[in-house]
Amino acid sequence: MADAIFLSAGVPDPRRGPEFAATADTVAITAAVSALVYVALGRRRLIWGGHPAITPMIFVMSEGMSINYAEWVTLYQSEFFKDEFPEDNKRFRNVVFTERLNNDREASLRLMRQRMFEEHEFRAAVFIGGMGGIVAEYEMFRQLQPHAKVIPVTSTGGASLDVAGKLGKVPSDFQDQRDYVALFHEHLGISVREERFRVPGDQPAVVEERFWRPAN
């Protein structure tokens, strides 16, 4: 599916990344992730590498929608972190596990990210909060998906600020717009008129044919 969206998000840990935690707004991170799920789910495929603070958020959001989230969401996890997998992994039923490369954390993560970016064609990537791993994902994403749009939500702070710095000039509303639902509708090009579909196979290929129409 060529219009898949990659989510790179995380809540910085002050112990492991104090420089990222210093600028992070955890309330904004939660709001932005929730807004992206609300805008995209049932309309675009959503793919991300599991973060223990983000996966439960997405599961809770998807529960309230009349869609088959196992068809719309794909979660990648490295076997390196097997002992830390959140309980919500089992509920998604659509987790792609990638190989643990010896005891090498960084090599295992690189493999996971490489598979994510090579196995899908993305329309866009959204970067929210996070620490150094967010920057590493951005760099590999740009290399393997050079034509996709990049949206660093800088109002969430953390590593999203570093991603914006690497991009150079970015739209001011990435920082100023706190209505994240409106932000994602605009920058992901998803009309508020688009219906949600239970599974991707039910979704018409022509975007205009997905729009809701008032009953006669």
Protein backbone atom coordinates (compact mmCIF):
# COMPACT_ATOMS: atom_id res chain seq x y z
CA MET A 1 0.00 0.00 0.00
CA ALA A 2 1.76 3.12 -1.27
CA ASP A 3 0.06 5.53 1.12
CA ALA A 4 1.28 3.92 4.35
CA ILE A 5 2.33 6.21 7.19
CA PHE A 6 5.37 5.54 9.38
CA LEU A 7 5.13 6.67 12.99
CA SER A 8 8.32 7.34 14.94
CA ALA A 9 7.42 8.39 18.46
CA GLY A 10 8.54 8.04 22.03
CA VAL A 11 8.41 9.56 25.49
CA PRO A 12 11.96 10.55 26.52
CA ASP A 13 13.39 8.94 29.63
CA PRO A 14 15.15 11.58 31.79
CA ARG A 15 17.69 8.98 32.92
CA ARG A 16 18.71 7.78 29.46
CA GLY A 17 18.17 10.95 27.46
CA PRO A 18 18.09 14.02 29.72
CA GLU A 19 18.79 16.35 26.80
CA PHE A 20 15.66 15.08 25.01
CA ALA A 21 13.53 14.99 28.16
CA ALA A 22 14.42 18.63 28.86
CA THR A 23 12.44 19.82 25.83
CA ALA A 24 9.78 17.10 25.69
CA ASP A 25 6.12 17.82 26.37
CA THR A 26 4.61 14.49 27.41
CA VAL A 27 1.05 15.80 27.23
CA ALA A 28 1.65 17.00 23.66
CA ILE A 29 3.29 13.67 22.73
CA THR A 30 0.25 11.75 23.93
CA ALA A 31 -2.13 14.16 22.20
CA ALA A 32 -0.22 14.02 18.91
CA VAL A 33 -0.05 10.21 18.82
CA SER A 34 -3.75 9.97 19.65
CA ALA A 35 -4.59 12.52 16.94
CA LEU A 36 -2.56 10.67 14.31
CA VAL A 37 -4.31 7.41 15.13
CA TYR A 38 -7.69 9.16 14.98
CA VAL A 39 -6.96 10.73 11.59
CA ALA A 40 -5.24 7.75 9.95
CA LEU A 41 -6.75 4.53 11.30
CA GLY A 42 -9.19 2.92 8.89
CA ARG A 43 -8.01 5.29 6.17
CA ARG A 44 -4.24 4.62 5.87
CA ARG A 45 -1.98 1.79 6.98
CA LEU A 46 0.03 2.75 10.07
CA ILE A 47 3.45 1.17 10.69
CA TRP A 48 5.87 1.68 13.57
CA GLY A 49 8.61 0.06 15.61
CA GLY A 50 7.09 -0.77 18.98
CA HIS A 51 7.78 1.66 21.79
CA PRO A 52 6.50 0.51 25.20
CA ALA A 53 4.88 3.88 25.91
CA ILE A 54 3.29 4.24 22.46
CA THR A 55 1.90 0.77 21.72
CA PRO A 56 -0.69 0.84 24.54
CA MET A 57 -1.90 4.27 23.39
CA ILE A 58 -2.55 3.01 19.88
CA PHE A 59 -4.27 -0.11 21.13
CA VAL A 60 -6.67 1.91 23.29
CA MET A 61 -7.48 4.25 20.40
CA SER A 62 -8.06 1.43 17.93
CA GLU A 63 -10.38 -0.40 20.32
CA GLY A 64 -13.00 2.30 19.99
CA MET A 65 -13.18 2.15 16.18
CA SER A 66 -15.22 -0.27 14.09
CA ILE A 67 -12.25 -1.49 12.11
CA ASN A 68 -10.00 -4.53 12.00
CA TYR A 69 -6.84 -2.97 13.41
CA ALA A 70 -4.80 -6.09 12.64
CA GLU A 71 -5.35 -5.25 8.96
CA TRP A 72 -4.55 -1.54 9.29
CA VAL A 73 -1.65 -1.53 11.75
CA THR A 74 1.74 -3.25 11.53
CA LEU A 75 4.12 -3.26 14.46
CA TYR A 76 7.79 -4.19 14.10
CA GLN A 77 9.76 -5.48 17.09
CA SER A 78 13.32 -6.74 17.41
CA GLU A 79 13.80 -10.03 19.23
CA PHE A 80 16.61 -8.24 21.05
CA PHE A 81 13.95 -6.68 23.30
CA LYS A 82 11.88 -9.84 23.74
CA ASP A 83 11.92 -9.59 27.54
CA GLU A 84 10.55 -6.04 27.38
CA PHE A 85 7.69 -6.50 24.91
CA PRO A 86 4.52 -4.79 26.17
CA GLU A 87 1.49 -6.98 26.84
CA ASP A 88 -0.37 -5.13 24.09
CA ASN A 89 1.81 -6.83 21.45
CA LYS A 90 -0.27 -9.98 21.89
CA ARG A 91 -3.47 -8.06 21.20
CA PHE A 92 -2.32 -6.59 17.91
CA ARG A 93 -1.90 -9.97 16.18
CA ASN A 94 0.14 -8.24 13.47
CA VAL A 95 3.63 -7.99 14.92
CA VAL A 96 6.64 -8.58 12.67
CA PHE A 97 9.55 -9.89 14.74
CA THR A 98 13.03 -9.26 13.41
CA GLU A 99 16.19 -11.18 14.26
CA ARG A 100 18.35 -10.52 17.29
CA LEU A 101 21.93 -10.06 16.08
CA ASN A 102 24.05 -11.60 18.84
CA ASN A 103 24.10 -9.18 21.80
CA ASP A 104 24.35 -6.12 19.58
CA ARG A 105 21.50 -3.73 20.38
CA GLU A 106 22.28 -1.19 17.66
CA ALA A 107 22.78 -3.80 14.93
CA SER A 108 19.49 -5.46 15.91
CA LEU A 109 17.68 -2.12 15.73
CA ARG A 110 19.22 -1.28 12.35
CA LEU A 111 17.98 -4.59 10.97
CA MET A 112 14.47 -3.96 12.27
CA ARG A 113 14.36 -0.47 10.77
CA GLN A 114 15.79 -1.62 7.47
CA ARG A 115 13.08 -4.24 7.13
CA MET A 116 10.36 -1.72 8.00
CA PHE A 117 11.52 0.70 5.35
CA GLU A 118 12.27 -1.87 2.65
CA GLU A 119 9.10 -3.92 3.03
CA HIS A 120 6.65 -1.02 2.59
CA GLU A 121 6.19 2.03 0.41
CA PHE A 122 5.45 5.06 2.55
CA ARG A 123 3.62 8.25 1.71
CA ALA A 124 4.80 10.01 4.87
CA ALA A 125 6.61 9.70 8.20
CA VAL A 126 5.55 11.46 11.40
CA PHE A 127 8.10 12.13 14.15
CA ILE A 128 6.79 12.85 17.65
CA GLY A 129 8.89 13.47 20.77
CA GLY A 130 11.45 10.69 21.27
CA MET A 131 15.18 10.32 21.83
CA GLY A 132 18.20 9.37 19.70
CA GLY A 133 16.42 6.40 18.12
CA ILE A 134 13.99 8.82 16.47
CA VAL A 135 16.88 10.57 14.74
CA ALA A 136 18.36 7.24 13.61
CA GLU A 137 14.97 6.25 12.17
CA TYR A 138 14.71 9.57 10.34
CA GLU A 139 18.15 9.16 8.75
CA MET A 140 17.46 5.65 7.50
CA PHE A 141 13.94 6.58 6.40
CA ARG A 142 15.25 9.44 4.26
CA GLN A 143 17.78 7.12 2.69
CA LEU A 144 15.35 4.31 1.86
CA GLN A 145 12.17 6.35 1.31
CA PRO A 146 13.52 9.56 -0.29
CA HIS A 147 10.21 10.63 -1.84
CA ALA A 148 8.07 10.37 1.28
CA LYS A 149 6.95 13.44 3.20
CA VAL A 150 8.53 14.03 6.62
CA ILE A 151 6.49 15.66 9.41
CA PRO A 152 8.42 16.43 12.62
CA VAL A 153 5.88 17.64 15.19
CA THR A 154 8.27 20.00 16.91
CA SER A 155 5.73 21.21 19.48
CA THR A 156 6.16 17.81 21.17
CA GLY A 157 9.86 18.52 21.77
CA GLY A 158 12.45 15.78 22.22
CA ALA A 159 14.13 14.36 19.15
CA SER A 160 11.49 15.80 16.82
CA LEU A 161 13.44 19.08 17.17
CA ASP A 162 16.59 17.35 15.91
CA VAL A 163 14.71 15.91 12.93
CA ALA A 164 13.43 19.37 12.04
CA GLY A 165 16.97 20.72 12.34
CA LYS A 166 18.23 18.14 9.87
CA LEU A 167 15.41 18.96 7.45
CA GLY A 168 16.13 22.68 7.58
CA LYS A 169 13.13 24.90 7.01
CA VAL A 170 9.83 23.32 8.12
CA PRO A 171 6.29 24.75 8.22
CA SER A 172 5.67 26.93 11.28
CA ASP A 173 2.50 25.06 12.20
CA PHE A 174 4.58 22.00 13.15
CA GLN A 175 5.47 24.13 16.18
CA ASP A 176 2.47 26.41 16.54
CA GLN A 177 -0.54 24.21 15.73
CA ARG A 178 -1.73 22.36 18.82
CA ASP A 179 -4.88 21.08 17.12
CA TYR A 180 -3.08 17.93 16.02
CA VAL A 181 -6.12 16.46 14.31
CA ALA A 182 -6.28 19.48 11.99
CA LEU A 183 -2.49 19.38 11.53
CA PHE A 184 -2.49 15.77 10.36
CA HIS A 185 -5.55 16.13 8.15
CA GLU A 186 -3.77 18.96 6.33
CA HIS A 187 -0.22 17.64 6.06
CA LEU A 188 -1.12 14.00 5.40
CA GLY A 189 -3.70 15.00 2.80
CA ILE A 190 -6.49 13.00 4.45
CA SER A 191 -9.87 14.65 3.95
CA VAL A 192 -12.26 14.88 6.89
CA ARG A 193 -14.83 13.49 4.45
CA GLU A 194 -13.04 10.16 4.05
CA GLU A 195 -14.91 7.23 5.52
CA ARG A 196 -13.13 4.62 7.63
CA PHE A 197 -13.16 1.10 6.24
CA ARG A 198 -13.11 -2.09 8.27
CA VAL A 199 -10.25 -3.57 6.22
CA PRO A 200 -8.04 -2.08 3.49
CA GLY A 201 -9.63 -4.35 0.89
CA ASP A 202 -12.95 -2.53 1.37
CA GLN A 203 -11.38 0.85 0.60
CA PRO A 204 -11.86 2.17 -2.97
CA ALA A 205 -8.64 2.91 -4.84
CA VAL A 206 -9.93 6.33 -5.95
CA VAL A 207 -9.81 8.73 -3.00
CA GLU A 208 -12.95 10.63 -4.00
CA GLU A 209 -14.93 7.39 -3.88
CA ARG A 210 -14.09 7.06 -0.17
CA PHE A 211 -15.95 10.25 0.79
CA TRP A 212 -19.11 10.02 2.85
CA ARG A 213 -22.24 11.29 1.21
CA PRO A 214 -25.34 12.61 2.96
CA ALA A 215 -28.36 10.32 2.86
CA ASN A 216 -31.03 11.36 0.38
